[in-house]
Amino acid sequence: LKIKTLSDIYVLHREKLESPLGALATFGGF
C-alpha cells in the first residue's frame, strides 16, 4: 500500500517540480 500510495503521489507532482527547493517544499517535512 505504501508503494502504491507514494508512486501515485510522485506521478501527481513530478511534472511540476522545477527545482531542488520545489521538491523539498512538495515532499519534505518541516
PDB file of all heavy atoms in Angstrom:
ATOM      1  N   LEU A   1       0.825  -1.203   0.000  1.00  0.00           N
ATOM      2  CA  LEU A   1       0.000   0.000   0.000  1.00  0.00           C
ATOM      3  C   LEU A   1       0.864   1.260   0.000  1.00  0.00           C
ATOM      4  O   LEU A   1       0.557   2.239  -0.702  1.00  0.00           O
ATOM      5  CB  LEU A   1      -0.935  -0.009   1.214  1.00  0.00           C
ATOM      6  CG  LEU A   1      -1.845   1.221   1.376  1.00  0.00           C
ATOM      7  CD1 LEU A   1      -2.745   1.403   0.158  1.00  0.00           C
ATOM      8  CD2 LEU A   1      -2.659   1.118   2.658  1.00  0.00           C
ATOM      9  N   LYS A   2       1.954   1.241   0.754  1.00  0.00           N
ATOM     10  CA  LYS A   2       2.851   2.389   0.801  1.00  0.00           C
ATOM     11  C   LYS A   2       3.461   2.639  -0.580  1.00  0.00           C
ATOM     12  O   LYS A   2       3.535   3.793  -1.043  1.00  0.00           O
ATOM     13  CB  LYS A   2       3.949   2.149   1.837  1.00  0.00           C
ATOM     14  CG  LYS A   2       4.930   3.299   2.010  1.00  0.00           C
ATOM     15  CD  LYS A   2       5.947   2.978   3.113  1.00  0.00           C
ATOM     16  CE  LYS A   2       6.938   4.104   3.322  1.00  0.00           C
ATOM     17  NZ  LYS A   2       7.918   3.795   4.399  1.00  0.00           N
ATOM     18  N   ILE A   3       3.884   1.583  -1.254  1.00  0.00           N
ATOM     19  CA  ILE A   3       4.482   1.731  -2.582  1.00  0.00           C
ATOM     20  C   ILE A   3       3.476   2.322  -3.563  1.00  0.00           C
ATOM     21  O   ILE A   3       3.785   3.257  -4.323  1.00  0.00           O
ATOM     22  CB  ILE A   3       5.017   0.376  -3.085  1.00  0.00           C
ATOM     23  CG1 ILE A   3       6.240  -0.051  -2.279  1.00  0.00           C
ATOM     24  CG2 ILE A   3       5.366   0.449  -4.575  1.00  0.00           C
ATOM     25  CD1 ILE A   3       6.712  -1.457  -2.568  1.00  0.00           C
ATOM     26  N   LYS A   4       2.248   1.806  -3.539  1.00  0.00           N
ATOM     27  CA  LYS A   4       1.230   2.340  -4.452  1.00  0.00           C
ATOM     28  C   LYS A   4       0.912   3.797  -4.128  1.00  0.00           C
ATOM     29  O   LYS A   4       0.826   4.642  -5.032  1.00  0.00           O
ATOM     30  CB  LYS A   4      -0.050   1.508  -4.369  1.00  0.00           C
ATOM     31  CG  LYS A   4      -1.129   2.001  -5.343  1.00  0.00           C
ATOM     32  CD  LYS A   4      -2.412   1.228  -5.252  1.00  0.00           C
ATOM     33  CE  LYS A   4      -3.393   1.653  -6.348  1.00  0.00           C
ATOM     34  NZ  LYS A   4      -3.596   3.119  -6.411  1.00  0.00           N
ATOM     35  N   THR A   5       0.766   4.096  -2.852  1.00  0.00           N
ATOM     36  CA  THR A   5       0.417   5.463  -2.438  1.00  0.00           C
ATOM     37  C   THR A   5       1.485   6.457  -2.869  1.00  0.00           C
ATOM     38  O   THR A   5       1.192   7.504  -3.464  1.00  0.00           O
ATOM     39  CB  THR A   5       0.225   5.522  -0.917  1.00  0.00           C
ATOM     40  OG1 THR A   5      -0.838   4.641  -0.537  1.00  0.00           O
ATOM     41  CG2 THR A   5      -0.111   6.935  -0.464  1.00  0.00           C
ATOM     42  N   LEU A   6       2.752   6.137  -2.577  1.00  0.00           N
ATOM     43  CA  LEU A   6       3.828   7.068  -2.892  1.00  0.00           C
ATOM     44  C   LEU A   6       4.092   7.137  -4.395  1.00  0.00           C
ATOM     45  O   LEU A   6       4.474   8.189  -4.913  1.00  0.00           O
ATOM     46  CB  LEU A   6       5.095   6.689  -2.131  1.00  0.00           C
ATOM     47  CG  LEU A   6       4.990   6.791  -0.604  1.00  0.00           C
ATOM     48  CD1 LEU A   6       6.341   6.507   0.039  1.00  0.00           C
ATOM     49  CD2 LEU A   6       4.474   8.151  -0.162  1.00  0.00           C
ATOM     50  N   SER A   7       3.881   6.026  -5.098  1.00  0.00           N
ATOM     51  CA  SER A   7       4.035   6.055  -6.559  1.00  0.00           C
ATOM     52  C   SER A   7       3.012   6.991  -7.179  1.00  0.00           C
ATOM     53  O   SER A   7       3.335   7.795  -8.071  1.00  0.00           O
ATOM     54  CB  SER A   7       3.883   4.641  -7.133  1.00  0.00           C
ATOM     55  OG  SER A   7       4.895   3.780  -6.664  1.00  0.00           O
ATOM     56  N   ASP A   8       1.765   6.926  -6.706  1.00  0.00           N
ATOM     57  CA  ASP A   8       0.725   7.817  -7.213  1.00  0.00           C
ATOM     58  C   ASP A   8       1.053   9.281  -6.892  1.00  0.00           C
ATOM     59  O   ASP A   8       0.839  10.173  -7.713  1.00  0.00           O
ATOM     60  CB  ASP A   8      -0.631   7.442  -6.609  1.00  0.00           C
ATOM     61  CG  ASP A   8      -1.169   6.114  -7.132  1.00  0.00           C
ATOM     62  OD1 ASP A   8      -0.649   5.616  -8.142  1.00  0.00           O
ATOM     63  OD2 ASP A   8      -2.102   5.565  -6.503  1.00  0.00           O
ATOM     64  N   ILE A   9       1.578   9.514  -5.688  1.00  0.00           N
ATOM     65  CA  ILE A   9       1.925  10.883  -5.276  1.00  0.00           C
ATOM     66  C   ILE A   9       3.056  11.428  -6.141  1.00  0.00           C
ATOM     67  O   ILE A   9       3.018  12.593  -6.572  1.00  0.00           O
ATOM     68  CB  ILE A   9       2.305  10.902  -3.782  1.00  0.00           C
ATOM     69  CG1 ILE A   9       1.051  10.708  -2.919  1.00  0.00           C
ATOM     70  CG2 ILE A   9       3.021  12.200  -3.404  1.00  0.00           C
ATOM     71  CD1 ILE A   9       1.341  10.410  -1.469  1.00  0.00           C
ATOM     72  N   TYR A  10       4.047  10.589  -6.427  1.00  0.00           N
ATOM     73  CA  TYR A  10       5.160  11.069  -7.244  1.00  0.00           C
ATOM     74  C   TYR A  10       4.686  11.428  -8.652  1.00  0.00           C
ATOM     75  O   TYR A  10       5.074  12.463  -9.203  1.00  0.00           O
ATOM     76  CB  TYR A  10       6.261  10.013  -7.309  1.00  0.00           C
ATOM     77  CG  TYR A  10       7.568  10.578  -7.808  1.00  0.00           C
ATOM     78  CD1 TYR A  10       8.388  11.316  -6.962  1.00  0.00           C
ATOM     79  CD2 TYR A  10       7.965  10.415  -9.132  1.00  0.00           C
ATOM     80  CE1 TYR A  10       9.581  11.864  -7.414  1.00  0.00           C
ATOM     81  CE2 TYR A  10       9.154  10.959  -9.591  1.00  0.00           C
ATOM     82  CZ  TYR A  10       9.958  11.678  -8.727  1.00  0.00           C
ATOM     83  OH  TYR A  10      11.118  12.231  -9.173  1.00  0.00           O
ATOM     84  N   VAL A  11       3.809  10.599  -9.225  1.00  0.00           N
ATOM     85  CA  VAL A  11       3.258  10.894 -10.549  1.00  0.00           C
ATOM     86  C   VAL A  11       2.462  12.196 -10.518  1.00  0.00           C
ATOM     87  O   VAL A  11       2.530  13.016 -11.446  1.00  0.00           O
ATOM     88  CB  VAL A  11       2.381   9.726 -11.030  1.00  0.00           C
ATOM     89  CG1 VAL A  11       1.598  10.120 -12.285  1.00  0.00           C
ATOM     90  CG2 VAL A  11       3.237   8.502 -11.314  1.00  0.00           C
ATOM     91  N   LEU A  12       1.715  12.420  -9.445  1.00  0.00           N
ATOM     92  CA  LEU A  12       0.908  13.636  -9.299  1.00  0.00           C
ATOM     93  C   LEU A  12       1.761  14.899  -9.383  1.00  0.00           C
ATOM     94  O   LEU A  12       1.351  15.900  -9.998  1.00  0.00           O
ATOM     95  CB  LEU A  12       0.163  13.592  -7.957  1.00  0.00           C
ATOM     96  CG  LEU A  12      -0.607  14.854  -7.547  1.00  0.00           C
ATOM     97  CD1 LEU A  12      -1.804  15.079  -8.474  1.00  0.00           C
ATOM     98  CD2 LEU A  12      -1.068  14.751  -6.097  1.00  0.00           C
ATOM     99  N   HIS A  13       2.959  14.853  -8.806  1.00  0.00           N
ATOM    100  CA  HIS A  13       3.749  16.082  -8.667  1.00  0.00           C
ATOM    101  C   HIS A  13       4.918  16.216  -9.645  1.00  0.00           C
ATOM    102  O   HIS A  13       5.418  17.326  -9.830  1.00  0.00           O
ATOM    103  CB  HIS A  13       4.326  16.156  -7.246  1.00  0.00           C
ATOM    104  CG  HIS A  13       3.303  16.354  -6.173  1.00  0.00           C
ATOM    105  ND1 HIS A  13       2.600  17.526  -6.024  1.00  0.00           N
ATOM    106  CD2 HIS A  13       2.866  15.526  -5.187  1.00  0.00           C
ATOM    107  CE1 HIS A  13       1.780  17.425  -4.988  1.00  0.00           C
ATOM    108  NE2 HIS A  13       1.910  16.215  -4.464  1.00  0.00           N
ATOM    109  N   ARG A  14       5.384  15.121 -10.228  1.00  0.00           N
ATOM    110  CA  ARG A  14       6.706  15.154 -10.869  1.00  0.00           C
ATOM    111  C   ARG A  14       6.828  16.169 -11.994  1.00  0.00           C
ATOM    112  O   ARG A  14       7.891  16.770 -12.182  1.00  0.00           O
ATOM    113  CB  ARG A  14       7.075  13.758 -11.373  1.00  0.00           C
ATOM    114  CG  ARG A  14       6.202  13.221 -12.478  1.00  0.00           C
ATOM    115  CD  ARG A  14       6.600  11.805 -12.869  1.00  0.00           C
ATOM    116  NE  ARG A  14       5.704  11.249 -13.868  1.00  0.00           N
ATOM    117  CZ  ARG A  14       5.732   9.986 -14.270  1.00  0.00           C
ATOM    118  NH1 ARG A  14       6.630   9.157 -13.742  1.00  0.00           N
ATOM    119  NH2 ARG A  14       4.886   9.546 -15.181  1.00  0.00           N
ATOM    120  N   GLU A  15       5.759  16.405 -12.750  1.00  0.00           N
ATOM    121  CA  GLU A  15       5.850  17.347 -13.868  1.00  0.00           C
ATOM    122  C   GLU A  15       5.925  18.797 -13.396  1.00  0.00           C
ATOM    123  O   GLU A  15       6.294  19.687 -14.156  1.00  0.00           O
ATOM    124  CB  GLU A  15       4.653  17.165 -14.801  1.00  0.00           C
ATOM    125  CG  GLU A  15       4.544  15.788 -15.435  1.00  0.00           C
ATOM    126  CD  GLU A  15       5.774  15.425 -16.267  1.00  0.00           C
ATOM    127  OE1 GLU A  15       6.372  16.341 -16.863  1.00  0.00           O
ATOM    128  OE2 GLU A  15       6.142  14.238 -16.296  1.00  0.00           O
ATOM    129  N   LYS A  16       5.570  19.033 -12.122  1.00  0.00           N
ATOM    130  CA  LYS A  16       5.539  20.395 -11.598  1.00  0.00           C
ATOM    131  C   LYS A  16       6.823  20.765 -10.865  1.00  0.00           C
ATOM    132  O   LYS A  16       6.990  21.913 -10.451  1.00  0.00           O
ATOM    133  CB  LYS A  16       4.351  20.567 -10.650  1.00  0.00           C
ATOM    134  CG  LYS A  16       3.018  20.169 -11.251  1.00  0.00           C
ATOM    135  CD  LYS A  16       1.931  20.116 -10.172  1.00  0.00           C
ATOM    136  CE  LYS A  16       0.660  19.476 -10.694  1.00  0.00           C
ATOM    137  NZ  LYS A  16      -0.346  19.293  -9.619  1.00  0.00           N
ATOM    138  N   LEU A  17       7.708  19.794 -10.688  1.00  0.00           N
ATOM    139  CA  LEU A  17       8.912  20.041  -9.891  1.00  0.00           C
ATOM    140  C   LEU A  17       9.982  20.660 -10.779  1.00  0.00           C
ATOM    141  O   LEU A  17      10.461  20.033 -11.725  1.00  0.00           O
ATOM    142  CB  LEU A  17       9.419  18.735  -9.279  1.00  0.00           C
ATOM    143  CG  LEU A  17       8.420  18.018  -8.361  1.00  0.00           C
ATOM    144  CD1 LEU A  17       9.009  16.699  -7.866  1.00  0.00           C
ATOM    145  CD2 LEU A  17       8.034  18.900  -7.181  1.00  0.00           C
ATOM    146  N   GLU A  18      10.351  21.892 -10.463  1.00  0.00           N
ATOM    147  CA  GLU A  18      11.270  22.624 -11.323  1.00  0.00           C
ATOM    148  C   GLU A  18      12.604  22.919 -10.654  1.00  0.00           C
ATOM    149  O   GLU A  18      13.500  23.453 -11.301  1.00  0.00           O
ATOM    150  CB  GLU A  18      10.617  23.938 -11.763  1.00  0.00           C
ATOM    151  CG  GLU A  18       9.357  23.737 -12.598  1.00  0.00           C
ATOM    152  CD  GLU A  18       8.719  25.049 -13.013  1.00  0.00           C
ATOM    153  OE1 GLU A  18       9.161  26.098 -12.517  1.00  0.00           O
ATOM    154  OE2 GLU A  18       7.781  25.007 -13.850  1.00  0.00           O
ATOM    155  N   SER A  19      12.752  22.603  -9.360  1.00  0.00           N
ATOM    156  CA  SER A  19      13.986  22.953  -8.671  1.00  0.00           C
ATOM    157  C   SER A  19      14.135  22.093  -7.425  1.00  0.00           C
ATOM    158  O   SER A  19      13.145  21.523  -6.929  1.00  0.00           O
ATOM    159  CB  SER A  19      13.972  24.430  -8.261  1.00  0.00           C
ATOM    160  OG  SER A  19      12.999  24.638  -7.235  1.00  0.00           O
ATOM    161  N   PRO A  20      15.347  21.993  -6.888  1.00  0.00           N
ATOM    162  CA  PRO A  20      15.526  21.278  -5.622  1.00  0.00           C
ATOM    163  C   PRO A  20      14.660  21.836  -4.498  1.00  0.00           C
ATOM    164  O   PRO A  20      14.092  21.077  -3.707  1.00  0.00           O
ATOM    165  CB  PRO A  20      17.014  21.464  -5.324  1.00  0.00           C
ATOM    166  CG  PRO A  20      17.649  21.631  -6.665  1.00  0.00           C
ATOM    167  CD  PRO A  20      16.642  22.402  -7.466  1.00  0.00           C
ATOM    168  N   LEU A  21      14.547  23.159  -4.428  1.00  0.00           N
ATOM    169  CA  LEU A  21      13.726  23.755  -3.373  1.00  0.00           C
ATOM    170  C   LEU A  21      12.253  23.426  -3.590  1.00  0.00           C
ATOM    171  O   LEU A  21      11.509  23.203  -2.617  1.00  0.00           O
ATOM    172  CB  LEU A  21      13.932  25.267  -3.329  1.00  0.00           C
ATOM    173  CG  LEU A  21      15.304  25.738  -2.826  1.00  0.00           C
ATOM    174  CD1 LEU A  21      15.418  27.250  -2.917  1.00  0.00           C
ATOM    175  CD2 LEU A  21      15.572  25.264  -1.406  1.00  0.00           C
ATOM    176  N   GLY A  22      11.829  23.378  -4.831  1.00  0.00           N
ATOM    177  CA  GLY A  22      10.448  22.995  -5.122  1.00  0.00           C
ATOM    178  C   GLY A  22      10.146  21.577  -4.686  1.00  0.00           C
ATOM    179  O   GLY A  22       9.079  21.289  -4.141  1.00  0.00           O
ATOM    180  N   ALA A  23      11.101  20.666  -4.913  1.00  0.00           N
ATOM    181  CA  ALA A  23      10.922  19.277  -4.482  1.00  0.00           C
ATOM    182  C   ALA A  23      10.882  19.184  -2.966  1.00  0.00           C
ATOM    183  O   ALA A  23      10.071  18.438  -2.394  1.00  0.00           O
ATOM    184  CB  ALA A  23      12.053  18.419  -5.037  1.00  0.00           C
ATOM    185  N   LEU A  24      11.741  19.951  -2.297  1.00  0.00           N
ATOM    186  CA  LEU A  24      11.783  19.926  -0.837  1.00  0.00           C
ATOM    187  C   LEU A  24      10.478  20.453  -0.258  1.00  0.00           C
ATOM    188  O   LEU A  24       9.956  19.917   0.729  1.00  0.00           O
ATOM    189  CB  LEU A  24      12.975  20.739  -0.344  1.00  0.00           C
ATOM    190  CG  LEU A  24      13.336  20.647   1.135  1.00  0.00           C
ATOM    191  CD1 LEU A  24      13.534  19.205   1.583  1.00  0.00           C
ATOM    192  CD2 LEU A  24      14.595  21.465   1.412  1.00  0.00           C
ATOM    193  N   ALA A  25       9.921  21.497  -0.861  1.00  0.00           N
ATOM    194  CA  ALA A  25       8.642  22.036  -0.393  1.00  0.00           C
ATOM    195  C   ALA A  25       7.492  21.076  -0.670  1.00  0.00           C
ATOM    196  O   ALA A  25       6.556  20.962   0.119  1.00  0.00           O
ATOM    197  CB  ALA A  25       8.372  23.385  -1.060  1.00  0.00           C
ATOM    198  N   THR A  26       7.566  20.360  -1.766  1.00  0.00           N
ATOM    199  CA  THR A  26       6.480  19.461  -2.156  1.00  0.00           C
ATOM    200  C   THR A  26       6.448  18.200  -1.313  1.00  0.00           C
ATOM    201  O   THR A  26       5.385  17.765  -0.862  1.00  0.00           O
ATOM    202  CB  THR A  26       6.615  19.083  -3.638  1.00  0.00           C
ATOM    203  OG1 THR A  26       6.535  20.272  -4.430  1.00  0.00           O
ATOM    204  CG2 THR A  26       5.515  18.123  -4.072  1.00  0.00           C
ATOM    205  N   PHE A  27       7.614  17.607  -1.068  1.00  0.00           N
ATOM    206  CA  PHE A  27       7.673  16.294  -0.423  1.00  0.00           C
ATOM    207  C   PHE A  27       8.221  16.324   1.005  1.00  0.00           C
ATOM    208  O   PHE A  27       8.102  15.345   1.740  1.00  0.00           O
ATOM    209  CB  PHE A  27       8.562  15.352  -1.244  1.00  0.00           C
ATOM    210  CG  PHE A  27       8.074  15.064  -2.625  1.00  0.00           C
ATOM    211  CD1 PHE A  27       8.954  15.101  -3.711  1.00  0.00           C
ATOM    212  CD2 PHE A  27       6.744  14.759  -2.876  1.00  0.00           C
ATOM    213  CE1 PHE A  27       8.524  14.811  -5.002  1.00  0.00           C
ATOM    214  CE2 PHE A  27       6.297  14.481  -4.157  1.00  0.00           C
ATOM    215  CZ  PHE A  27       7.183  14.505  -5.224  1.00  0.00           C
ATOM    216  N   GLY A  28       8.845  17.404   1.389  1.00  0.00           N
ATOM    217  CA  GLY A  28       9.581  17.406   2.645  1.00  0.00           C
ATOM    218  C   GLY A  28       8.694  17.540   3.868  1.00  0.00           C
ATOM    219  O   GLY A  28       7.509  17.857   3.781  1.00  0.00           O
ATOM    220  N   GLY A  29       9.302  17.270   5.018  1.00  0.00           N
ATOM    221  CA  GLY A  29       8.699  17.639   6.287  1.00  0.00           C
ATOM    222  C   GLY A  29       9.413  18.870   6.801  1.00  0.00           C
ATOM    223  O   GLY A  29      10.505  19.220   6.335  1.00  0.00           O
ATOM    224  N   PHE A  30       8.801  19.519   7.783  1.00  0.00           N
ATOM    225  CA  PHE A  30       9.457  20.690   8.349  1.00  0.00           C
ATOM    226  C   PHE A  30      10.790  20.306   8.992  1.00  0.00           C
ATOM    227  O   PHE A  30      11.749  21.081   8.950  1.00  0.00           O
ATOM    228  CB  PHE A  30       8.551  21.378   9.368  1.00  0.00           C
ATOM    229  CG  PHE A  30       7.328  22.010   8.766  1.00  0.00           C
ATOM    230  CD1 PHE A  30       6.065  21.758   9.291  1.00  0.00           C
ATOM    231  CD2 PHE A  30       7.420  22.850   7.664  1.00  0.00           C
ATOM    232  CE1 PHE A  30       4.936  22.341   8.743  1.00  0.00           C
ATOM    233  CE2 PHE A  30       6.298  23.435   7.096  1.00  0.00           C
ATOM    234  CZ  PHE A  30       5.042  23.179   7.637  1.00  0.00           C
TER     235      PHE A  30
END
